[in-house]
């Protein structure tokens, strides 16, 4: 099982960034190590926004 580092945004609802990369990599037999650069409630194209950039000490 390969370890793969995925550095992308993440959303709580929807399928973009690490929210989709993680499950896909698992199904492919890899071990994803995900680093979220920003956490949002949903894709900004859906309208209302929530969340924001991670603090430096969390990144």
PDB file of N, CA and C in Angstrom:
ATOM      1  N   UNK A   1       0.850  -1.176   0.000  1.00  0.00           N
ATOM      2  CA  UNK A   1       0.000   0.000   0.000  1.00  0.00           C
ATOM      3  C   UNK A   1       0.895   1.239   0.000  1.00  0.00           C
ATOM      4  N   UNK A   2       0.800   2.040  -1.052  1.00  0.00           N
ATOM      5  CA  UNK A   2       1.581   3.272  -1.148  1.00  0.00           C
ATOM      6  C   UNK A   2       0.971   4.367  -0.297  1.00  0.00           C
ATOM      7  N   UNK A   3       1.832   5.154   0.336  1.00  0.00           N
ATOM      8  CA  UNK A   3       1.378   6.353   1.037  1.00  0.00           C
ATOM      9  C   UNK A   3       1.425   7.512   0.050  1.00  0.00           C
ATOM     10  N   UNK A   4       0.322   8.251  -0.053  1.00  0.00           N
ATOM     11  CA  UNK A   4       0.244   9.383  -0.976  1.00  0.00           C
ATOM     12  C   UNK A   4      -0.161  10.624  -0.200  1.00  0.00           C
ATOM     13  N   UNK A   5       0.641  11.680  -0.329  1.00  0.00           N
ATOM     14  CA  UNK A   5       0.352  12.953   0.325  1.00  0.00           C
ATOM     15  C   UNK A   5      -0.534  13.785  -0.592  1.00  0.00           C
ATOM     16  N   UNK A   6      -1.698  14.173  -0.077  1.00  0.00           N
ATOM     17  CA  UNK A   6      -2.647  14.979  -0.845  1.00  0.00           C
ATOM     18  C   UNK A   6      -2.833  16.315  -0.132  1.00  0.00           C
ATOM     19  N   UNK A   7      -2.364  17.401  -0.752  1.00  0.00           N
ATOM     20  CA  UNK A   7      -2.464  18.746  -0.176  1.00  0.00           C
ATOM     21  C   UNK A   7      -3.462  19.527  -1.020  1.00  0.00           C
ATOM     22  N   UNK A   8      -4.694  19.665  -0.501  1.00  0.00           N
ATOM     23  CA  UNK A   8      -5.779  20.307  -1.243  1.00  0.00           C
ATOM     24  C   UNK A   8      -6.766  20.927  -0.264  1.00  0.00           C
ATOM     25  N   UNK A   9      -7.756  21.596  -0.829  1.00  0.00           N
ATOM     26  CA  UNK A   9      -8.861  22.097  -0.012  1.00  0.00           C
ATOM     27  C   UNK A   9      -9.748  20.921   0.388  1.00  0.00           C
ATOM     28  N   UNK A  10     -10.665  21.176   1.300  1.00  0.00           N
ATOM     29  CA  UNK A  10     -11.616  20.153   1.713  1.00  0.00           C
ATOM     30  C   UNK A  10     -12.964  20.804   1.979  1.00  0.00           C
ATOM     31  N   UNK A  11     -14.034  20.065   1.717  1.00  0.00           N
ATOM     32  CA  UNK A  11     -15.381  20.558   1.989  1.00  0.00           C
ATOM     33  C   UNK A  11     -16.126  19.541   2.834  1.00  0.00           C
ATOM     34  N   UNK A  12     -17.069  20.038   3.646  1.00  0.00           N
ATOM     35  CA  UNK A  12     -17.894  19.157   4.462  1.00  0.00           C
ATOM     36  C   UNK A  12     -18.963  18.490   3.607  1.00  0.00           C
ATOM     37  N   UNK A  13     -19.576  19.257   2.700  1.00  0.00           N
ATOM     38  CA  UNK A  13     -20.618  18.728   1.816  1.00  0.00           C
ATOM     39  C   UNK A  13     -20.192  18.942   0.372  1.00  0.00           C
ATOM     40  N   UNK A  14     -20.120  17.881  -0.383  1.00  0.00           N
ATOM     41  CA  UNK A  14     -19.739  17.987  -1.783  1.00  0.00           C
ATOM     42  C   UNK A  14     -18.554  17.094  -2.100  1.00  0.00           C
ATOM     43  N   UNK A  15     -18.118  17.164  -3.337  1.00  0.00           N
ATOM     44  CA  UNK A  15     -17.080  16.264  -3.811  1.00  0.00           C
ATOM     45  C   UNK A  15     -16.013  17.025  -4.582  1.00  0.00           C
ATOM     46  N   UNK A  16     -15.146  17.718  -3.852  1.00  0.00           N
ATOM     47  CA  UNK A  16     -13.997  18.408  -4.437  1.00  0.00           C
ATOM     48  C   UNK A  16     -12.813  18.261  -3.491  1.00  0.00           C
ATOM     49  N   UNK A  17     -11.613  18.439  -3.997  1.00  0.00           N
ATOM     50  CA  UNK A  17     -10.408  18.419  -3.165  1.00  0.00           C
ATOM     51  C   UNK A  17     -10.228  17.112  -2.412  1.00  0.00           C
ATOM     52  N   UNK A  18      -9.760  17.224  -1.167  1.00  0.00           N
ATOM     53  CA  UNK A  18      -9.507  16.041  -0.350  1.00  0.00           C
ATOM     54  C   UNK A  18     -10.775  15.278  -0.001  1.00  0.00           C
ATOM     55  N   UNK A  19     -11.941  15.924  -0.087  1.00  0.00           N
ATOM     56  CA  UNK A  19     -13.200  15.236   0.200  1.00  0.00           C
ATOM     57  C   UNK A  19     -13.452  14.107  -0.803  1.00  0.00           C
ATOM     58  N   UNK A  20     -12.898  14.219  -1.990  1.00  0.00           N
ATOM     59  CA  UNK A  20     -13.041  13.153  -2.987  1.00  0.00           C
ATOM     60  C   UNK A  20     -11.731  12.383  -3.173  1.00  0.00           C
ATOM     61  N   UNK A  21     -10.602  13.044  -3.034  1.00  0.00           N
ATOM     62  CA  UNK A  21      -9.310  12.379  -3.253  1.00  0.00           C
ATOM     63  C   UNK A  21      -9.081  11.249  -2.252  1.00  0.00           C
ATOM     64  N   UNK A  22      -9.402  11.490  -0.981  1.00  0.00           N
ATOM     65  CA  UNK A  22      -9.179  10.475   0.052  1.00  0.00           C
ATOM     66  C   UNK A  22      -9.900   9.167  -0.231  1.00  0.00           C
ATOM     67  N   UNK A  23     -11.229   9.198  -0.407  1.00  0.00           N
ATOM     68  CA  UNK A  23     -11.950   7.952  -0.691  1.00  0.00           C
ATOM     69  C   UNK A  23     -11.494   7.260  -1.982  1.00  0.00           C
ATOM     70  N   UNK A  24     -11.191   8.039  -3.015  1.00  0.00           N
ATOM     71  CA  UNK A  24     -10.744   7.447  -4.283  1.00  0.00           C
ATOM     72  C   UNK A  24      -9.402   6.741  -4.091  1.00  0.00           C
ATOM     73  N   UNK A  25      -8.474   7.384  -3.387  1.00  0.00           N
ATOM     74  CA  UNK A  25      -7.167   6.759  -3.152  1.00  0.00           C
ATOM     75  C   UNK A  25      -7.306   5.483  -2.328  1.00  0.00           C
ATOM     76  N   UNK A  26      -8.209   5.480  -1.350  1.00  0.00           N
ATOM     77  CA  UNK A  26      -8.446   4.268  -0.556  1.00  0.00           C
ATOM     78  C   UNK A  26      -8.956   3.124  -1.425  1.00  0.00           C
ATOM     79  N   UNK A  27      -9.923   3.412  -2.286  1.00  0.00           N
ATOM     80  CA  UNK A  27     -10.477   2.385  -3.170  1.00  0.00           C
ATOM     81  C   UNK A  27      -9.403   1.836  -4.105  1.00  0.00           C
ATOM     82  N   UNK A  28      -8.451   2.686  -4.483  1.00  0.00           N
ATOM     83  CA  UNK A  28      -7.363   2.260  -5.363  1.00  0.00           C
ATOM     84  C   UNK A  28      -6.275   1.491  -4.609  1.00  0.00           C
ATOM     85  N   UNK A  29      -6.451   1.317  -3.293  1.00  0.00           N
ATOM     86  CA  UNK A  29      -5.503   0.542  -2.513  1.00  0.00           C
ATOM     87  C   UNK A  29      -4.346   1.326  -1.933  1.00  0.00           C
ATOM     88  N   UNK A  30      -4.447   2.650  -1.906  1.00  0.00           N
ATOM     89  CA  UNK A  30      -3.386   3.491  -1.362  1.00  0.00           C
ATOM     90  C   UNK A  30      -3.749   3.971   0.039  1.00  0.00           C
ATOM     91  N   UNK A  31      -2.771   4.525   0.717  1.00  0.00           N
ATOM     92  CA  UNK A  31      -2.971   5.106   2.049  1.00  0.00           C
ATOM     93  C   UNK A  31      -2.838   6.623   1.922  1.00  0.00           C
ATOM     94  N   UNK A  32      -3.974   7.355   1.821  1.00  0.00           N
ATOM     95  CA  UNK A  32      -3.874   8.809   1.662  1.00  0.00           C
ATOM     96  C   UNK A  32      -3.518   9.508   2.967  1.00  0.00           C
ATOM     97  N   UNK A  33      -2.589  10.439   2.883  1.00  0.00           N
ATOM     98  CA  UNK A  33      -2.254  11.317   4.003  1.00  0.00           C
ATOM     99  C   UNK A  33      -2.682  12.705   3.561  1.00  0.00           C
ATOM    100  N   UNK A  34      -3.816  13.175   4.084  1.00  0.00           N
ATOM    101  CA  UNK A  34      -4.431  14.395   3.577  1.00  0.00           C
ATOM    102  C   UNK A  34      -4.103  15.598   4.448  1.00  0.00           C
ATOM    103  N   UNK A  35      -3.668  16.665   3.803  1.00  0.00           N
ATOM    104  CA  UNK A  35      -3.428  17.946   4.458  1.00  0.00           C
ATOM    105  C   UNK A  35      -4.390  18.936   3.817  1.00  0.00           C
ATOM    106  N   UNK A  36      -5.333  19.438   4.606  1.00  0.00           N
ATOM    107  CA  UNK A  36      -6.304  20.401   4.091  1.00  0.00           C
ATOM    108  C   UNK A  36      -5.725  21.811   4.154  1.00  0.00           C
ATOM    109  N   UNK A  37      -5.731  22.517   3.031  1.00  0.00           N
ATOM    110  CA  UNK A  37      -5.236  23.892   2.999  1.00  0.00           C
ATOM    111  C   UNK A  37      -6.307  24.881   3.415  1.00  0.00           C
ATOM    112  N   UNK A  38      -7.572  24.512   3.197  1.00  0.00           N
ATOM    113  CA  UNK A  38      -8.712  25.337   3.601  1.00  0.00           C
ATOM    114  C   UNK A  38      -9.886  24.392   3.821  1.00  0.00           C
ATOM    115  N   UNK A  39     -10.737  24.705   4.788  1.00  0.00           N
ATOM    116  CA  UNK A  39     -11.923  23.891   5.052  1.00  0.00           C
ATOM    117  C   UNK A  39     -13.158  24.745   4.835  1.00  0.00           C
ATOM    118  N   UNK A  40     -14.025  24.284   3.953  1.00  0.00           N
ATOM    119  CA  UNK A  40     -15.250  25.014   3.645  1.00  0.00           C
ATOM    120  C   UNK A  40     -16.458  24.120   3.903  1.00  0.00           C
ATOM    121  N   UNK A  41     -17.622  24.742   4.127  1.00  0.00           N
ATOM    122  CA  UNK A  41     -18.852  23.978   4.324  1.00  0.00           C
ATOM    123  C   UNK A  41     -19.245  23.265   3.033  1.00  0.00           C
ATOM    124  N   UNK A  42     -19.108  23.947   1.896  1.00  0.00           N
ATOM    125  CA  UNK A  42     -19.450  23.376   0.595  1.00  0.00           C
ATOM    126  C   UNK A  42     -18.665  24.120  -0.478  1.00  0.00           C
ATOM    127  N   UNK A  43     -18.730  23.623  -1.689  1.00  0.00           N
ATOM    128  CA  UNK A  43     -18.076  24.292  -2.812  1.00  0.00           C
ATOM    129  C   UNK A  43     -18.620  25.715  -2.919  1.00  0.00           C
ATOM    130  N   UNK A  44     -17.753  26.724  -3.073  1.00  0.00           N
ATOM    131  CA  UNK A  44     -18.217  28.117  -3.137  1.00  0.00           C
ATOM    132  C   UNK A  44     -19.262  28.371  -4.228  1.00  0.00           C
ATOM    133  N   UNK A  45     -19.297  27.548  -5.249  1.00  0.00           N
ATOM    134  CA  UNK A  45     -20.274  27.709  -6.312  1.00  0.00           C
ATOM    135  C   UNK A  45     -21.702  27.444  -5.870  1.00  0.00           C
ATOM    136  N   UNK A  46     -21.891  26.826  -4.698  1.00  0.00           N
ATOM    137  CA  UNK A  46     -23.231  26.527  -4.200  1.00  0.00           C
ATOM    138  C   UNK A  46     -23.863  27.699  -3.466  1.00  0.00           C
ATOM    139  N   UNK A  47     -23.154  28.799  -3.338  1.00  0.00           N
ATOM    140  CA  UNK A  47     -23.747  29.964  -2.676  1.00  0.00           C
ATOM    141  C   UNK A  47     -23.119  30.227  -1.325  1.00  0.00           C
ATOM    142  N   UNK A  48     -23.917  30.159  -0.266  1.00  0.00           N
ATOM    143  CA  UNK A  48     -23.461  30.481   1.090  1.00  0.00           C
ATOM    144  C   UNK A  48     -22.155  29.805   1.453  1.00  0.00           C
ATOM    145  N   UNK A  49     -21.305  30.557   2.113  1.00  0.00           N
ATOM    146  CA  UNK A  49     -19.985  30.035   2.462  1.00  0.00           C
ATOM    147  C   UNK A  49     -19.817  29.962   3.967  1.00  0.00           C
ATOM    148  N   UNK A  50     -19.008  29.051   4.396  1.00  0.00           N
ATOM    149  CA  UNK A  50     -18.619  28.924   5.795  1.00  0.00           C
ATOM    150  C   UNK A  50     -17.244  28.298   5.832  1.00  0.00           C
ATOM    151  N   UNK A  51     -16.521  28.510   6.903  1.00  0.00           N
ATOM    152  CA  UNK A  51     -15.173  27.962   7.001  1.00  0.00           C
ATOM    153  C   UNK A  51     -14.147  28.995   6.594  1.00  0.00           C
ATOM    154  N   UNK A  52     -12.934  28.552   6.357  1.00  0.00           N
ATOM    155  CA  UNK A  52     -11.882  29.463   5.956  1.00  0.00           C
ATOM    156  C   UNK A  52     -10.525  28.811   6.047  1.00  0.00           C
ATOM    157  N   UNK A  53      -9.468  29.599   5.860  1.00  0.00           N
ATOM    158  CA  UNK A  53      -8.112  29.061   5.904  1.00  0.00           C
ATOM    159  C   UNK A  53      -7.782  28.486   7.283  1.00  0.00           C
ATOM    160  N   UNK A  54      -6.907  27.494   7.286  1.00  0.00           N
ATOM    161  CA  UNK A  54      -6.446  26.927   8.546  1.00  0.00           C
ATOM    162  C   UNK A  54      -5.401  27.843   9.166  1.00  0.00           C
ATOM    163  N   UNK A  55      -5.406  27.913  10.474  1.00  0.00           N
ATOM    164  CA  UNK A  55      -4.389  28.690  11.185  1.00  0.00           C
ATOM    165  C   UNK A  55      -3.018  28.046  10.960  1.00  0.00           C
ATOM    166  N   UNK A  56      -1.971  28.851  10.951  1.00  0.00           N
ATOM    167  CA  UNK A  56      -0.622  28.351  10.693  1.00  0.00           C
ATOM    168  C   UNK A  56      -0.242  27.200  11.612  1.00  0.00           C
ATOM    169  N   UNK A  57      -0.610  27.268  12.886  1.00  0.00           N
ATOM    170  CA  UNK A  57      -0.206  26.219  13.825  1.00  0.00           C
ATOM    171  C   UNK A  57      -0.942  24.899  13.557  1.00  0.00           C
ATOM    172  N   UNK A  58      -2.058  24.923  12.841  1.00  0.00           N
ATOM    173  CA  UNK A  58      -2.769  23.698  12.484  1.00  0.00           C
ATOM    174  C   UNK A  58      -2.256  23.106  11.184  1.00  0.00           C
ATOM    175  N   UNK A  59      -1.701  23.954  10.320  1.00  0.00           N
ATOM    176  CA  UNK A  59      -1.209  23.492   9.029  1.00  0.00           C
ATOM    177  C   UNK A  59       0.112  22.804   9.216  1.00  0.00           C
TER     178      UNK A  59
END
